[in-house]
């Protein structure tokens, strides 16, 4: 999620899509379709009350501070833990211009989250900047690679990034291979709506990320994440195509950003979609991103309480993550945080208290 909603149409498929918001020492051997592994996962069965807090280091460098509801300044992860947050999601960009969300920055944030006793989700965008349904731009260093090299480069990058986390004592519970990949990733090669070949490419890229993840963290759950978790038609399209092309994944992940006037209807549609994913593919489900207008905190709390309850009711419902709640005072133009203008959590965050 970044700064609002973006809607695009994928040719004749009439897709309504969602919202914006290392080294190479390990040599991949997969020069054709990656060979997937069937791995028994032993990740925590506890429900994840989660938050994406990827902006924290950039906000701190800009002078932002965070406070608990009593007005005491605290580390953001301490504030979030005090509101019931048990898991942190961190995005990873390949070579971002300002450095934030590169591997080193992610390691630093992951250490803080782990020190706070939180589980961790790593969210690979496979881009130098925001990846979402309208933007899946290859990293500049990967732009001219042929597809086989691209696939192996993605494997190596995923492997090496996760290995760096491992060497720093970080064991993620979940790894997201691609962000809001409602029409694939690493365009144009992996843009699913372009052709059957492109959809196959997308599936093989998912397998590259899956295999690299399992090579470092066999018990981590691999997530394929799409936007608009209420839309069963487009969700079936992407996951049916992945299944048909031999992709492996553990969790169907979703974004949910409803209007304040219709959140209840949206939540019911999300529930039906999650139930269908479990039944149709035998996968677990998770809300990887959620958000609503910061100026409607009470309504946002009602939305989240309901969404959490509905996700917990699903067999295989793993958790709900709020996207960047700590963003306040119009940070980066984002208006769906859950902290007030003084840097304290709004009542919306009480939805996570358990």
Protein backbone atom coordinates (compact mmCIF):
# COMPACT_ATOMS: atom_id res chain seq x y z
CA UNK A 1 0.00 0.00 0.00
CA UNK A 2 1.37 3.45 -0.84
CA UNK A 3 -0.52 6.72 -0.84
CA UNK A 4 -3.84 5.42 -2.07
CA UNK A 5 -5.59 3.07 -4.42
CA UNK A 6 -4.62 2.34 -7.99
CA UNK A 7 -6.93 0.51 -10.33
CA UNK A 8 -5.77 -1.06 -13.59
CA UNK A 9 -7.30 -3.37 -16.17
CA UNK A 10 -5.46 -6.41 -17.41
CA UNK A 11 -6.60 -6.72 -21.01
CA UNK A 12 -9.60 -8.94 -21.64
CA UNK A 13 -9.37 -10.53 -18.20
CA UNK A 14 -11.17 -7.51 -16.72
CA UNK A 15 -9.08 -7.62 -13.55
CA UNK A 16 -9.82 -5.12 -10.86
CA UNK A 17 -6.47 -4.88 -9.10
CA UNK A 18 -5.35 -3.29 -5.90
CA UNK A 19 -3.52 -0.51 -4.21
CA UNK A 20 -0.14 1.11 -4.02
CA UNK A 21 1.13 2.11 -1.40
CA UNK A 22 23.27 -9.26 -1.77
CA UNK A 23 26.00 -10.96 -3.32
CA UNK A 24 25.93 -13.97 -5.61
CA UNK A 25 28.07 -16.49 -3.80
CA UNK A 26 25.26 -19.06 -3.74
CA UNK A 27 24.96 -20.26 -7.33
CA UNK A 28 21.53 -21.48 -8.38
CA UNK A 29 21.44 -24.70 -10.33
CA UNK A 30 17.93 -24.21 -11.69
CA UNK A 31 18.48 -23.30 -15.34
CA UNK A 32 14.99 -24.45 -16.25
CA UNK A 33 11.86 -24.60 -14.12
CA UNK A 34 12.94 -24.50 -10.45
CA UNK A 35 12.58 -27.83 -8.67
CA UNK A 36 10.21 -27.35 -5.76
CA UNK A 37 10.52 -29.13 -2.45
CA UNK A 38 7.72 -30.47 -0.31
CA UNK A 39 8.75 -29.27 3.13
CA UNK A 40 6.92 -29.84 6.39
CA UNK A 41 6.57 -26.42 7.99
CA UNK A 42 6.69 -25.99 11.73
CA UNK A 43 6.05 -22.26 12.03
CA UNK A 44 4.24 -20.95 15.06
CA UNK A 45 0.55 -21.75 15.22
CA UNK A 46 -0.16 -18.60 17.24
CA UNK A 47 -2.38 -16.04 15.54
CA UNK A 48 -0.32 -13.06 14.35
CA UNK A 49 -1.46 -9.64 15.51
CA UNK A 50 0.77 -7.80 13.10
CA UNK A 51 2.07 -4.48 11.90
CA UNK A 52 4.16 -3.46 8.94
CA UNK A 53 6.64 -0.99 10.45
CA UNK A 54 9.07 -0.61 7.56
CA UNK A 55 9.11 3.21 7.72
CA UNK A 56 10.40 3.34 11.29
CA UNK A 57 14.10 4.03 10.63
CA UNK A 58 13.35 6.65 7.98
CA UNK A 59 10.83 8.37 10.28
CA UNK A 60 13.29 8.34 13.17
CA UNK A 61 15.99 9.85 10.94
CA UNK A 62 13.50 12.61 10.10
CA UNK A 63 12.99 13.40 13.77
CA UNK A 64 9.75 11.54 14.41
CA UNK A 65 9.24 10.11 17.89
CA UNK A 66 6.69 7.66 19.24
CA UNK A 67 4.74 7.64 22.48
CA UNK A 68 2.49 5.28 24.38
CA UNK A 69 -1.03 6.37 25.28
CA UNK A 70 0.23 7.84 28.57
CA UNK A 71 2.49 10.19 26.62
CA UNK A 72 5.75 8.44 27.50
CA UNK A 73 8.28 8.36 24.66
CA UNK A 74 9.21 4.77 23.77
CA UNK A 75 10.79 2.77 20.99
CA UNK A 76 8.15 2.11 18.35
CA UNK A 77 8.38 -1.64 18.81
CA UNK A 78 7.71 -1.20 22.52
CA UNK A 79 4.67 0.97 21.78
CA UNK A 80 3.33 -1.59 19.31
CA UNK A 81 3.92 -4.47 21.69
CA UNK A 82 1.96 -2.57 24.32
CA UNK A 83 -1.01 -2.49 21.93
CA UNK A 84 -0.94 -6.25 21.41
CA UNK A 85 1.23 -6.46 18.30
CA UNK A 86 3.08 -9.78 18.18
CA UNK A 87 4.51 -9.76 14.66
CA UNK A 88 6.32 -7.27 12.42
CA UNK A 89 6.36 -7.17 8.61
CA UNK A 90 9.37 -5.60 6.86
CA UNK A 91 9.64 -4.84 3.15
CA UNK A 92 12.88 -5.40 1.24
CA UNK A 93 14.00 -3.40 -1.79
CA UNK A 94 17.00 -4.46 -3.89
CA UNK A 95 18.86 -1.16 -4.33
CA UNK A 96 16.71 1.73 -3.08
CA UNK A 97 18.04 5.20 -3.85
CA UNK A 98 17.93 6.40 -0.22
CA UNK A 99 19.06 3.10 1.31
CA UNK A 100 15.97 2.56 3.44
CA UNK A 101 14.52 -0.95 3.13
CA UNK A 102 17.73 -2.39 1.71
CA UNK A 103 19.14 -5.53 3.31
CA UNK A 104 21.17 -3.72 5.97
CA UNK A 105 18.21 -1.56 7.02
CA UNK A 106 15.93 -4.59 7.19
CA UNK A 107 18.43 -6.48 9.35
CA UNK A 108 18.61 -3.55 11.78
CA UNK A 109 14.81 -3.37 12.09
CA UNK A 110 14.45 -7.15 12.33
CA UNK A 111 16.91 -7.22 15.25
CA UNK A 112 14.79 -4.65 17.08
CA UNK A 113 11.59 -6.58 16.42
CA UNK A 114 13.17 -9.85 17.54
CA UNK A 115 14.50 -8.18 20.70
CA UNK A 116 10.91 -7.13 21.44
CA UNK A 117 9.89 -10.79 21.21
CA UNK A 118 8.00 -10.42 17.93
CA UNK A 119 7.69 -12.82 15.01
CA UNK A 120 8.91 -11.48 11.66
CA UNK A 121 7.62 -11.47 8.10
CA UNK A 122 10.03 -10.55 5.29
CA UNK A 123 8.29 -8.95 2.31
CA UNK A 124 10.37 -9.11 -0.89
CA UNK A 125 9.26 -6.52 -3.46
CA UNK A 126 11.90 -7.60 -6.02
CA UNK A 127 12.26 -3.98 -7.08
CA UNK A 128 14.29 -0.92 -6.13
CA UNK A 129 11.06 0.78 -5.06
CA UNK A 130 7.34 0.16 -4.48
CA UNK A 131 5.87 -2.95 -6.08
CA UNK A 132 2.08 -3.22 -6.31
CA UNK A 133 -0.58 -4.16 -8.90
CA UNK A 134 0.29 -1.15 -11.04
CA UNK A 135 4.06 -1.22 -10.59
CA UNK A 136 6.30 -4.29 -10.71
CA UNK A 137 9.48 -2.70 -12.05
CA UNK A 138 12.60 -4.83 -12.18
CA UNK A 139 15.59 -3.65 -10.16
CA UNK A 140 17.78 -1.54 -12.43
CA UNK A 141 20.61 -4.06 -12.16
CA UNK A 142 18.30 -6.83 -13.41
CA UNK A 143 16.60 -4.93 -16.22
CA UNK A 144 18.43 -6.43 -19.18
CA UNK A 145 18.75 -10.02 -17.98
CA UNK A 146 17.36 -12.90 -20.03
CA UNK A 147 14.68 -14.86 -18.22
CA UNK A 148 16.84 -17.79 -17.09
CA UNK A 149 19.41 -15.41 -15.67
CA UNK A 150 16.65 -13.32 -14.10
CA UNK A 151 15.22 -16.39 -12.40
CA UNK A 152 18.60 -17.44 -11.05
CA UNK A 153 19.43 -13.90 -9.97
CA UNK A 154 16.16 -13.71 -8.03
CA UNK A 155 16.97 -17.04 -6.38
CA UNK A 156 20.45 -15.90 -5.40
CA UNK A 157 19.23 -12.53 -4.12
CA UNK A 158 16.53 -14.16 -2.00
CA UNK A 159 18.96 -16.79 -0.72
CA UNK A 160 21.66 -14.28 0.18
CA UNK A 161 19.29 -11.80 1.84
CA UNK A 162 17.76 -14.50 4.00
CA UNK A 163 21.19 -15.95 4.76
CA UNK A 164 22.28 -12.51 5.96
CA UNK A 165 19.29 -12.40 8.28
CA UNK A 166 20.13 -15.90 9.52
CA UNK A 167 23.74 -14.94 10.22
CA UNK A 168 22.39 -12.07 12.32
CA UNK A 169 20.25 -14.40 14.41
CA UNK A 170 16.96 -13.64 12.66
CA UNK A 171 14.56 -16.47 11.76
CA UNK A 172 11.46 -15.19 9.96
CA UNK A 173 8.22 -17.06 10.43
CA UNK A 174 6.91 -15.96 7.01
CA UNK A 175 8.53 -14.89 3.75
CA UNK A 176 6.51 -13.07 1.13
CA UNK A 177 7.79 -13.62 -2.44
CA UNK A 178 6.57 -10.53 -4.23
CA UNK A 179 4.29 -7.73 -3.06
CA UNK A 180 0.68 -7.43 -4.28
CA UNK A 181 1.46 -9.63 -7.28
CA UNK A 182 -2.10 -9.47 -8.61
CA UNK A 183 -0.67 -9.48 -12.15
CA UNK A 184 2.65 -11.15 -11.50
CA UNK A 185 6.07 -9.64 -10.79
CA UNK A 186 9.26 -8.48 -12.49
CA UNK A 187 7.47 -7.07 -15.52
CA UNK A 188 7.34 -7.71 -18.39
CA UNK A 189 8.77 -11.22 -18.11
CA UNK A 190 6.55 -12.19 -15.18
CA UNK A 191 3.44 -10.14 -16.03
CA UNK A 192 0.78 -12.83 -15.85
CA UNK A 193 -1.90 -11.22 -18.03
CA UNK A 194 0.32 -10.78 -21.09
CA UNK A 195 0.37 -14.41 -22.27
CA UNK A 196 0.44 -18.03 -21.17
CA UNK A 197 4.23 -17.86 -21.33
CA UNK A 198 4.32 -14.86 -19.04
CA UNK A 199 2.03 -16.59 -16.55
CA UNK A 200 4.37 -19.59 -16.59
CA UNK A 201 7.28 -17.22 -16.01
CA UNK A 202 5.49 -15.77 -12.99
CA UNK A 203 4.96 -19.24 -11.54
CA UNK A 204 8.62 -20.11 -12.05
CA UNK A 205 9.68 -16.86 -10.38
CA UNK A 206 7.48 -17.76 -7.41
CA UNK A 207 9.25 -21.11 -7.29
CA UNK A 208 12.64 -19.38 -7.36
CA UNK A 209 11.66 -17.41 -4.27
CA UNK A 210 10.09 -20.47 -2.65
CA UNK A 211 13.12 -22.67 -3.20
CA UNK A 212 15.57 -20.03 -1.98
CA UNK A 213 13.49 -19.49 1.16
CA UNK A 214 13.26 -23.18 1.98
CA UNK A 215 17.00 -23.61 1.40
CA UNK A 216 17.72 -21.18 4.27
CA UNK A 217 14.60 -21.51 6.44
CA UNK A 218 12.84 -24.83 5.75
CA UNK A 219 10.12 -24.06 8.30
CA UNK A 220 9.27 -20.57 7.05
CA UNK A 221 5.88 -20.22 5.40
CA UNK A 222 6.06 -18.76 1.88
CA UNK A 223 3.33 -16.26 1.02
CA UNK A 224 2.01 -15.20 -2.38
CA UNK A 225 0.37 -11.82 -1.77
CA UNK A 226 -2.35 -10.19 -3.88
CA UNK A 227 -4.39 -7.02 -3.55
CA UNK A 228 -8.13 -6.63 -3.05
CA UNK A 229 -8.72 -9.62 -0.79
CA UNK A 230 -12.45 -9.19 -1.26
CA UNK A 231 -12.38 -10.00 -4.99
CA UNK A 232 -12.78 -13.74 -5.45
CA UNK A 233 -12.81 -13.59 -9.26
CA UNK A 234 -9.35 -12.05 -9.62
CA UNK A 235 -8.00 -14.03 -6.69
CA UNK A 236 -9.04 -17.31 -8.30
CA UNK A 237 -7.53 -16.18 -11.60
CA UNK A 238 -4.08 -15.61 -10.15
CA UNK A 239 -3.96 -18.66 -7.90
CA UNK A 240 -5.55 -20.98 -10.47
CA UNK A 241 -2.86 -19.89 -12.91
CA UNK A 242 -0.08 -20.44 -10.39
CA UNK A 243 -1.39 -23.90 -9.56
CA UNK A 244 -1.74 -24.83 -13.23
CA UNK A 245 1.86 -23.78 -13.87
CA UNK A 246 3.31 -25.77 -10.99
CA UNK A 247 4.00 -23.00 -8.49
CA UNK A 248 4.56 -23.83 -4.82
CA UNK A 249 3.46 -21.64 -1.94
CA UNK A 250 2.12 -22.09 1.59
CA UNK A 251 -0.08 -19.06 2.24
CA UNK A 252 -2.49 -16.94 0.21
CA UNK A 253 -1.95 -13.38 1.46
CA UNK A 254 -4.25 -10.39 0.91
CA UNK A 255 -4.49 -6.63 1.21
CA UNK A 256 -7.71 -5.05 2.52
CA UNK A 257 -8.32 -1.28 2.42
CA UNK A 258 -12.09 -0.74 2.66
CA UNK A 259 -14.05 2.48 2.63
CA UNK A 260 -15.31 3.58 6.05
CA UNK A 261 -18.88 3.36 4.74
CA UNK A 262 -18.70 -0.23 3.50
CA UNK A 263 -16.12 -2.06 5.58
CA UNK A 264 -18.63 -4.61 6.90
CA UNK A 265 -19.56 -5.74 3.39
CA UNK A 266 -15.90 -5.87 2.43
CA UNK A 267 -15.03 -7.99 5.47
CA UNK A 268 -17.77 -10.48 4.60
CA UNK A 269 -16.41 -10.75 1.06
CA UNK A 270 -12.88 -11.22 2.41
CA UNK A 271 -14.09 -14.01 4.69
CA UNK A 272 -15.78 -15.82 1.80
CA UNK A 273 -12.64 -15.42 -0.31
CA UNK A 274 -10.37 -16.79 2.43
CA UNK A 275 -12.66 -19.77 2.97
CA UNK A 276 -12.56 -20.45 -0.76
CA UNK A 277 -8.75 -20.34 -0.82
CA UNK A 278 -8.51 -22.92 1.97
CA UNK A 279 -11.04 -25.18 0.27
CA UNK A 280 -9.83 -24.70 -3.30
CA UNK A 281 -6.06 -24.92 -2.81
CA UNK A 282 -5.57 -26.37 0.66
CA UNK A 283 -3.52 -23.33 1.65
CA UNK A 284 -3.38 -21.15 4.74
CA UNK A 285 -4.53 -17.52 4.53
CA UNK A 286 -3.40 -14.22 5.99
CA UNK A 287 -4.22 -10.52 5.81
CA UNK A 288 -0.79 -9.08 5.04
CA UNK A 289 -1.99 -5.48 4.77
CA UNK A 290 -4.98 -3.61 6.17
CA UNK A 291 -5.73 0.05 6.58
CA UNK A 292 -8.40 2.72 6.80
CA UNK A 293 -8.72 6.50 7.20
CA UNK A 294 -6.68 7.75 10.16
CA UNK A 295 -9.43 10.29 10.90
CA UNK A 296 -11.98 7.49 11.46
CA UNK A 297 -10.19 5.66 14.26
CA UNK A 298 -13.30 4.29 15.97
CA UNK A 299 -14.63 2.94 12.68
CA UNK A 300 -11.21 1.51 11.90
CA UNK A 301 -11.21 -0.29 15.24
CA UNK A 302 -14.60 -1.86 14.43
CA UNK A 303 -13.31 -2.89 11.01
CA UNK A 304 -10.20 -4.50 12.51
CA UNK A 305 -12.01 -6.27 15.35
CA UNK A 306 -14.34 -7.82 12.80
CA UNK A 307 -11.56 -8.66 10.33
CA UNK A 308 -9.47 -10.30 13.04
CA UNK A 309 -12.44 -12.36 14.23
CA UNK A 310 -13.29 -13.45 10.71
CA UNK A 311 -9.69 -14.39 9.92
CA UNK A 312 -9.41 -16.39 13.16
CA UNK A 313 -12.62 -18.22 12.26
CA UNK A 314 -11.07 -19.61 9.07
CA UNK A 315 -9.30 -22.94 9.34
CA UNK A 316 -5.77 -21.88 8.44
CA UNK A 317 -6.30 -18.17 9.18
CA UNK A 318 -2.85 -17.05 10.36
CA UNK A 319 -3.07 -13.37 11.21
CA UNK A 320 -3.84 -9.75 10.36
CA UNK A 321 -1.19 -7.06 9.74
CA UNK A 322 -1.93 -3.32 9.79
CA UNK A 323 0.11 -1.41 7.24
CA UNK A 324 2.39 1.28 8.70
CA UNK A 325 0.19 2.35 11.65
CA UNK A 326 3.01 4.53 12.98
CA UNK A 327 2.75 6.95 10.03
CA UNK A 328 1.44 10.23 11.40
CA UNK A 329 1.22 13.94 10.56
CA UNK A 330 0.87 13.14 6.87
CA UNK A 331 4.13 11.20 6.66
CA UNK A 332 4.89 10.56 2.98
CA UNK A 333 1.33 11.67 2.18
CA UNK A 334 -0.09 8.53 3.78
CA UNK A 335 -3.44 8.99 5.52
CA UNK A 336 -4.34 5.50 6.72
CA UNK A 337 -2.04 5.18 9.70
CA UNK A 338 -3.26 4.56 13.26
CA UNK A 339 -1.23 7.06 15.29
CA UNK A 340 -2.49 10.56 16.08
CA UNK A 341 -0.75 13.87 15.37
CA UNK A 342 1.16 13.66 18.68
CA UNK A 343 2.70 10.28 17.83
CA UNK A 344 0.45 8.15 20.04
CA UNK A 345 -1.67 5.15 18.97
CA UNK A 346 -5.29 5.93 18.17
CA UNK A 347 -8.16 3.82 19.46
CA UNK A 348 -7.88 1.83 16.20
CA UNK A 349 -4.86 0.02 17.63
CA UNK A 350 -6.97 -1.27 20.53
CA UNK A 351 -8.35 -3.81 18.06
CA UNK A 352 -5.08 -5.75 18.47
CA UNK A 353 -5.19 -5.93 22.25
CA UNK A 354 -5.86 -9.52 23.22
